[in-house]
Amino acid sequence: MSQREKVLKALQRGHKLTPLDALNRGMGLRLGGHIYALRKAGHDIRSELVQKGDARVSKYWLHQT
C-alpha cells in the first residue's frame, strides 16, 4: 500500500492528521503533497491550522456528508 493510500484510508476512518501524525504512522514526510493530490482527485479534505508547542501546523480530515 502506498503512502498516499495510507493517508486516504486513515482519513476515511475518521482520523485527523498532522504532518507528525503522518510520519509516526509510516505515511512519510509529504503529507501536504498527498493531501493536494487527493483533493485534485475529488476528495473533500478540510484543514485548519493548530498550535503545537511553538509551531503552527495544518491538521487535515475528510469531510463526511
PDB file of N, CA and C in Angstrom:
ATOM      1  N   MET A   1       0.855  -1.181   0.000  1.00  0.00           N
ATOM      2  CA  MET A   1       0.000   0.000   0.000  1.00  0.00           C
ATOM      3  C   MET A   1       0.898   1.240   0.000  1.00  0.00           C
ATOM      4  N   SER A   2       0.592   2.184  -0.856  1.00  0.00           N
ATOM      5  CA  SER A   2       1.404   3.399  -0.955  1.00  0.00           C
ATOM      6  C   SER A   2       1.118   4.326   0.236  1.00  0.00           C
ATOM      7  N   GLN A   3       2.007   5.288   0.427  1.00  0.00           N
ATOM      8  CA  GLN A   3       1.806   6.263   1.500  1.00  0.00           C
ATOM      9  C   GLN A   3       0.509   7.042   1.274  1.00  0.00           C
ATOM     10  N   ARG A   4       0.232   7.400   0.026  1.00  0.00           N
ATOM     11  CA  ARG A   4      -0.993   8.149  -0.277  1.00  0.00           C
ATOM     12  C   ARG A   4      -2.231   7.324   0.062  1.00  0.00           C
ATOM     13  N   GLU A   5      -2.190   6.035  -0.231  1.00  0.00           N
ATOM     14  CA  GLU A   5      -3.312   5.157   0.115  1.00  0.00           C
ATOM     15  C   GLU A   5      -3.486   5.055   1.627  1.00  0.00           C
ATOM     16  N   LYS A   6      -2.372   5.033   2.361  1.00  0.00           N
ATOM     17  CA  LYS A   6      -2.443   5.010   3.826  1.00  0.00           C
ATOM     18  C   LYS A   6      -3.092   6.285   4.356  1.00  0.00           C
ATOM     19  N   VAL A   7      -2.725   7.422   3.778  1.00  0.00           N
ATOM     20  CA  VAL A   7      -3.326   8.700   4.186  1.00  0.00           C
ATOM     21  C   VAL A   7      -4.831   8.663   3.946  1.00  0.00           C
ATOM     22  N   LEU A   8      -5.241   8.248   2.752  1.00  0.00           N
ATOM     23  CA  LEU A   8      -6.655   8.214   2.422  1.00  0.00           C
ATOM     24  C   LEU A   8      -7.415   7.264   3.345  1.00  0.00           C
ATOM     25  N   LYS A   9      -6.881   6.084   3.605  1.00  0.00           N
ATOM     26  CA  LYS A   9      -7.550   5.117   4.483  1.00  0.00           C
ATOM     27  C   LYS A   9      -7.728   5.692   5.885  1.00  0.00           C
ATOM     28  N   ALA A  10      -6.688   6.352   6.409  1.00  0.00           N
ATOM     29  CA  ALA A  10      -6.780   6.944   7.747  1.00  0.00           C
ATOM     30  C   ALA A  10      -7.853   8.038   7.782  1.00  0.00           C
ATOM     31  N   LEU A  11      -7.892   8.872   6.751  1.00  0.00           N
ATOM     32  CA  LEU A  11      -8.897   9.933   6.692  1.00  0.00           C
ATOM     33  C   LEU A  11     -10.302   9.344   6.576  1.00  0.00           C
ATOM     34  N   GLN A  12     -10.445   8.282   5.798  1.00  0.00           N
ATOM     35  CA  GLN A  12     -11.750   7.640   5.628  1.00  0.00           C
ATOM     36  C   GLN A  12     -12.227   7.004   6.932  1.00  0.00           C
ATOM     37  N   ARG A  13     -11.302   6.606   7.796  1.00  0.00           N
ATOM     38  CA  ARG A  13     -11.658   6.038   9.095  1.00  0.00           C
ATOM     39  C   ARG A  13     -11.989   7.114  10.125  1.00  0.00           C
ATOM     40  N   GLY A  14     -11.890   8.392   9.711  1.00  0.00           N
ATOM     41  CA  GLY A  14     -12.257   9.485  10.603  1.00  0.00           C
ATOM     42  C   GLY A  14     -11.100  10.099  11.373  1.00  0.00           C
ATOM     43  N   HIS A  15      -9.863   9.697  11.060  1.00  0.00           N
ATOM     44  CA  HIS A  15      -8.707  10.258  11.747  1.00  0.00           C
ATOM     45  C   HIS A  15      -8.421  11.664  11.229  1.00  0.00           C
ATOM     46  N   LYS A  16      -7.936  12.512  12.117  1.00  0.00           N
ATOM     47  CA  LYS A  16      -7.432  13.829  11.735  1.00  0.00           C
ATOM     48  C   LYS A  16      -5.917  13.742  11.787  1.00  0.00           C
ATOM     49  N   LEU A  17      -5.253  14.199  10.748  1.00  0.00           N
ATOM     50  CA  LEU A  17      -3.809  14.015  10.619  1.00  0.00           C
ATOM     51  C   LEU A  17      -3.060  15.336  10.580  1.00  0.00           C
ATOM     52  N   THR A  18      -1.964  15.396  11.318  1.00  0.00           N
ATOM     53  CA  THR A  18      -0.973  16.457  11.188  1.00  0.00           C
ATOM     54  C   THR A  18       0.254  15.821  10.547  1.00  0.00           C
ATOM     55  N   PRO A  19       1.215  16.620  10.076  1.00  0.00           N
ATOM     56  CA  PRO A  19       2.418  16.028   9.491  1.00  0.00           C
ATOM     57  C   PRO A  19       3.144  15.069  10.445  1.00  0.00           C
ATOM     58  N   LEU A  20       3.187  15.384  11.726  1.00  0.00           N
ATOM     59  CA  LEU A  20       3.848  14.496  12.679  1.00  0.00           C
ATOM     60  C   LEU A  20       3.064  13.194  12.845  1.00  0.00           C
ATOM     61  N   ASP A  21       1.733  13.279  12.870  1.00  0.00           N
ATOM     62  CA  ASP A  21       0.913  12.060  12.922  1.00  0.00           C
ATOM     63  C   ASP A  21       1.223  11.162  11.725  1.00  0.00           C
ATOM     64  N   ALA A  22       1.271  11.770  10.545  1.00  0.00           N
ATOM     65  CA  ALA A  22       1.518  11.006   9.323  1.00  0.00           C
ATOM     66  C   ALA A  22       2.890  10.340   9.369  1.00  0.00           C
ATOM     67  N   LEU A  23       3.898  11.064   9.818  1.00  0.00           N
ATOM     68  CA  LEU A  23       5.244  10.500   9.918  1.00  0.00           C
ATOM     69  C   LEU A  23       5.255   9.318  10.882  1.00  0.00           C
ATOM     70  N   ASN A  24       4.620   9.464  12.026  1.00  0.00           N
ATOM     71  CA  ASN A  24       4.591   8.397  13.032  1.00  0.00           C
ATOM     72  C   ASN A  24       3.808   7.171  12.567  1.00  0.00           C
ATOM     73  N   ARG A  25       2.892   7.341  11.614  1.00  0.00           N
ATOM     74  CA  ARG A  25       2.086   6.227  11.095  1.00  0.00           C
ATOM     75  C   ARG A  25       2.663   5.634   9.812  1.00  0.00           C
ATOM     76  N   GLY A  26       3.863   6.038   9.445  1.00  0.00           N
ATOM     77  CA  GLY A  26       4.509   5.470   8.267  1.00  0.00           C
ATOM     78  C   GLY A  26       4.005   6.025   6.948  1.00  0.00           C
ATOM     79  N   MET A  27       3.490   7.253   6.980  1.00  0.00           N
ATOM     80  CA  MET A  27       2.951   7.866   5.770  1.00  0.00           C
ATOM     81  C   MET A  27       3.932   8.847   5.132  1.00  0.00           C
ATOM     82  N   GLY A  28       5.131   8.929   5.670  1.00  0.00           N
ATOM     83  CA  GLY A  28       6.167   9.768   5.090  1.00  0.00           C
ATOM     84  C   GLY A  28       6.126  11.210   5.524  1.00  0.00           C
ATOM     85  N   LEU A  29       6.982  11.991   4.890  1.00  0.00           N
ATOM     86  CA  LEU A  29       7.160  13.400   5.234  1.00  0.00           C
ATOM     87  C   LEU A  29       6.368  14.354   4.355  1.00  0.00           C
ATOM     88  N   ARG A  30       5.647  13.840   3.355  1.00  0.00           N
ATOM     89  CA  ARG A  30       4.991  14.715   2.384  1.00  0.00           C
ATOM     90  C   ARG A  30       3.470  14.696   2.512  1.00  0.00           C
ATOM     91  N   LEU A  31       2.973  14.875   3.725  1.00  0.00           N
ATOM     92  CA  LEU A  31       1.525  14.848   3.916  1.00  0.00           C
ATOM     93  C   LEU A  31       0.847  15.916   3.056  1.00  0.00           C
ATOM     94  N   GLY A  32       1.394  17.120   3.018  1.00  0.00           N
ATOM     95  CA  GLY A  32       0.803  18.186   2.213  1.00  0.00           C
ATOM     96  C   GLY A  32       0.692  17.814   0.742  1.00  0.00           C
ATOM     97  N   GLY A  33       1.694  17.144   0.212  1.00  0.00           N
ATOM     98  CA  GLY A  33       1.665  16.702  -1.180  1.00  0.00           C
ATOM     99  C   GLY A  33       0.592  15.651  -1.421  1.00  0.00           C
ATOM    100  N   HIS A  34       0.459  14.735  -0.470  1.00  0.00           N
ATOM    101  CA  HIS A  34      -0.586  13.712  -0.589  1.00  0.00           C
ATOM    102  C   HIS A  34      -1.971  14.343  -0.511  1.00  0.00           C
ATOM    103  N   ILE A  35      -2.135  15.295   0.394  1.00  0.00           N
ATOM    104  CA  ILE A  35      -3.427  15.982   0.533  1.00  0.00           C
ATOM    105  C   ILE A  35      -3.765  16.715  -0.757  1.00  0.00           C
ATOM    106  N   TYR A  36      -2.791  17.400  -1.336  1.00  0.00           N
ATOM    107  CA  TYR A  36      -3.002  18.122  -2.594  1.00  0.00           C
ATOM    108  C   TYR A  36      -3.497  17.170  -3.687  1.00  0.00           C
ATOM    109  N   ALA A  37      -2.823  16.030  -3.829  1.00  0.00           N
ATOM    110  CA  ALA A  37      -3.199  15.063  -4.869  1.00  0.00           C
ATOM    111  C   ALA A  37      -4.578  14.466  -4.599  1.00  0.00           C
ATOM    112  N   LEU A  38      -4.881  14.184  -3.345  1.00  0.00           N
ATOM    113  CA  LEU A  38      -6.194  13.611  -3.011  1.00  0.00           C
ATOM    114  C   LEU A  38      -7.315  14.621  -3.263  1.00  0.00           C
ATOM    115  N   ARG A  39      -7.043  15.887  -2.981  1.00  0.00           N
ATOM    116  CA  ARG A  39      -8.044  16.930  -3.277  1.00  0.00           C
ATOM    117  C   ARG A  39      -8.268  17.033  -4.783  1.00  0.00           C
ATOM    118  N   LYS A  40      -7.185  16.986  -5.567  1.00  0.00           N
ATOM    119  CA  LYS A  40      -7.312  17.043  -7.029  1.00  0.00           C
ATOM    120  C   LYS A  40      -8.101  15.849  -7.560  1.00  0.00           C
ATOM    121  N   ALA A  41      -8.030  14.721  -6.843  1.00  0.00           N
ATOM    122  CA  ALA A  41      -8.761  13.521  -7.241  1.00  0.00           C
ATOM    123  C   ALA A  41     -10.225  13.582  -6.809  1.00  0.00           C
ATOM    124  N   GLY A  42     -10.626  14.674  -6.151  1.00  0.00           N
ATOM    125  CA  GLY A  42     -12.027  14.869  -5.814  1.00  0.00           C
ATOM    126  C   GLY A  42     -12.424  14.626  -4.370  1.00  0.00           C
ATOM    127  N   HIS A  43     -11.476  14.329  -3.500  1.00  0.00           N
ATOM    128  CA  HIS A  43     -11.801  14.096  -2.091  1.00  0.00           C
ATOM    129  C   HIS A  43     -11.963  15.432  -1.368  1.00  0.00           C
ATOM    130  N   ASP A  44     -13.013  15.545  -0.566  1.00  0.00           N
ATOM    131  CA  ASP A  44     -13.311  16.781   0.166  1.00  0.00           C
ATOM    132  C   ASP A  44     -12.561  16.767   1.493  1.00  0.00           C
ATOM    133  N   ILE A  45     -11.302  17.192   1.444  1.00  0.00           N
ATOM    134  CA  ILE A  45     -10.446  17.196   2.625  1.00  0.00           C
ATOM    135  C   ILE A  45     -10.389  18.613   3.168  1.00  0.00           C
ATOM    136  N   ARG A  46     -10.703  18.736   4.449  1.00  0.00           N
ATOM    137  CA  ARG A  46     -10.696  20.035   5.125  1.00  0.00           C
ATOM    138  C   ARG A  46      -9.411  20.174   5.933  1.00  0.00           C
ATOM    139  N   SER A  47      -9.089  21.406   6.309  1.00  0.00           N
ATOM    140  CA  SER A  47      -7.879  21.634   7.102  1.00  0.00           C
ATOM    141  C   SER A  47      -8.058  22.854   7.996  1.00  0.00           C
ATOM    142  N   GLU A  48      -7.232  22.888   9.036  1.00  0.00           N
ATOM    143  CA  GLU A  48      -7.159  24.056   9.904  1.00  0.00           C
ATOM    144  C   GLU A  48      -5.755  24.119  10.482  1.00  0.00           C
ATOM    145  N   LEU A  49      -5.334  25.325  10.850  1.00  0.00           N
ATOM    146  CA  LEU A  49      -4.042  25.489  11.498  1.00  0.00           C
ATOM    147  C   LEU A  49      -4.235  25.311  12.997  1.00  0.00           C
ATOM    148  N   VAL A  50      -3.362  24.508  13.611  1.00  0.00           N
ATOM    149  CA  VAL A  50      -3.418  24.269  15.054  1.00  0.00           C
ATOM    150  C   VAL A  50      -2.054  24.573  15.654  1.00  0.00           C
ATOM    151  N   GLN A  51      -2.058  24.955  16.910  1.00  0.00           N
ATOM    152  CA  GLN A  51      -0.816  25.264  17.622  1.00  0.00           C
ATOM    153  C   GLN A  51      -0.264  23.983  18.235  1.00  0.00           C
ATOM    154  N   LYS A  52       0.979  23.660  17.940  1.00  0.00           N
ATOM    155  CA  LYS A  52       1.689  22.515  18.528  1.00  0.00           C
ATOM    156  C   LYS A  52       2.979  23.056  19.125  1.00  0.00           C
ATOM    157  N   GLY A  53       2.979  23.323  20.434  1.00  0.00           N
ATOM    158  CA  GLY A  53       4.159  23.938  21.057  1.00  0.00           C
ATOM    159  C   GLY A  53       4.344  25.337  20.514  1.00  0.00           C
ATOM    160  N   ASP A  54       5.511  25.594  19.972  1.00  0.00           N
ATOM    161  CA  ASP A  54       5.813  26.913  19.399  1.00  0.00           C
ATOM    162  C   ASP A  54       5.458  27.009  17.920  1.00  0.00           C
ATOM    163  N   ALA A  55       5.001  25.922  17.341  1.00  0.00           N
ATOM    164  CA  ALA A  55       4.749  25.888  15.893  1.00  0.00           C
ATOM    165  C   ALA A  55       3.253  25.801  15.598  1.00  0.00           C
ATOM    166  N   ARG A  56       2.890  26.290  14.434  1.00  0.00           N
ATOM    167  CA  ARG A  56       1.532  26.106  13.909  1.00  0.00           C
ATOM    168  C   ARG A  56       1.627  25.134  12.743  1.00  0.00           C
ATOM    169  N   VAL A  57       0.778  24.108  12.781  1.00  0.00           N
ATOM    170  CA  VAL A  57       0.791  23.093  11.733  1.00  0.00           C
ATOM    171  C   VAL A  57      -0.627  22.887  11.227  1.00  0.00           C
ATOM    172  N   SER A  58      -0.734  22.326  10.037  1.00  0.00           N
ATOM    173  CA  SER A  58      -2.049  22.013   9.476  1.00  0.00           C
ATOM    174  C   SER A  58      -2.525  20.662   9.984  1.00  0.00           C
ATOM    175  N   LYS A  59      -3.821  20.602  10.267  1.00  0.00           N
ATOM    176  CA  LYS A  59      -4.486  19.343  10.611  1.00  0.00           C
ATOM    177  C   LYS A  59      -5.512  19.091   9.527  1.00  0.00           C
ATOM    178  N   TYR A  60      -5.544  17.873   8.991  1.00  0.00           N
ATOM    179  CA  TYR A  60      -6.417  17.523   7.867  1.00  0.00           C
ATOM    180  C   TYR A  60      -7.408  16.441   8.273  1.00  0.00           C
ATOM    181  N   TRP A  61      -8.606  16.522   7.685  1.00  0.00           N
ATOM    182  CA  TRP A  61      -9.617  15.481   7.874  1.00  0.00           C
ATOM    183  C   TRP A  61     -10.510  15.432   6.661  1.00  0.00           C
ATOM    184  N   LEU A  62     -11.168  14.303   6.478  1.00  0.00           N
ATOM    185  CA  LEU A  62     -12.059  14.108   5.359  1.00  0.00           C
ATOM    186  C   LEU A  62     -13.464  14.542   5.771  1.00  0.00           C
ATOM    187  N   HIS A  63     -14.050  15.443   5.003  1.00  0.00           N
ATOM    188  CA  HIS A  63     -15.386  15.923   5.323  1.00  0.00           C
ATOM    189  C   HIS A  63     -16.394  14.834   4.999  1.00  0.00           C
ATOM    190  N   GLN A  64     -17.144  14.427   5.990  1.00  0.00           N
ATOM    191  CA  GLN A  64     -18.149  13.378   5.833  1.00  0.00           C
ATOM    192  C   GLN A  64     -19.511  14.038   5.663  1.00  0.00           C
ATOM    193  N   THR A  65     -20.218  13.711   4.602  1.00  0.00           N
ATOM    194  CA  THR A  65     -21.556  14.280   4.394  1.00  0.00           C
ATOM    195  C   THR A  65     -22.619  13.311   4.795  1.00  0.00           C
TER     196      THR A  65
END
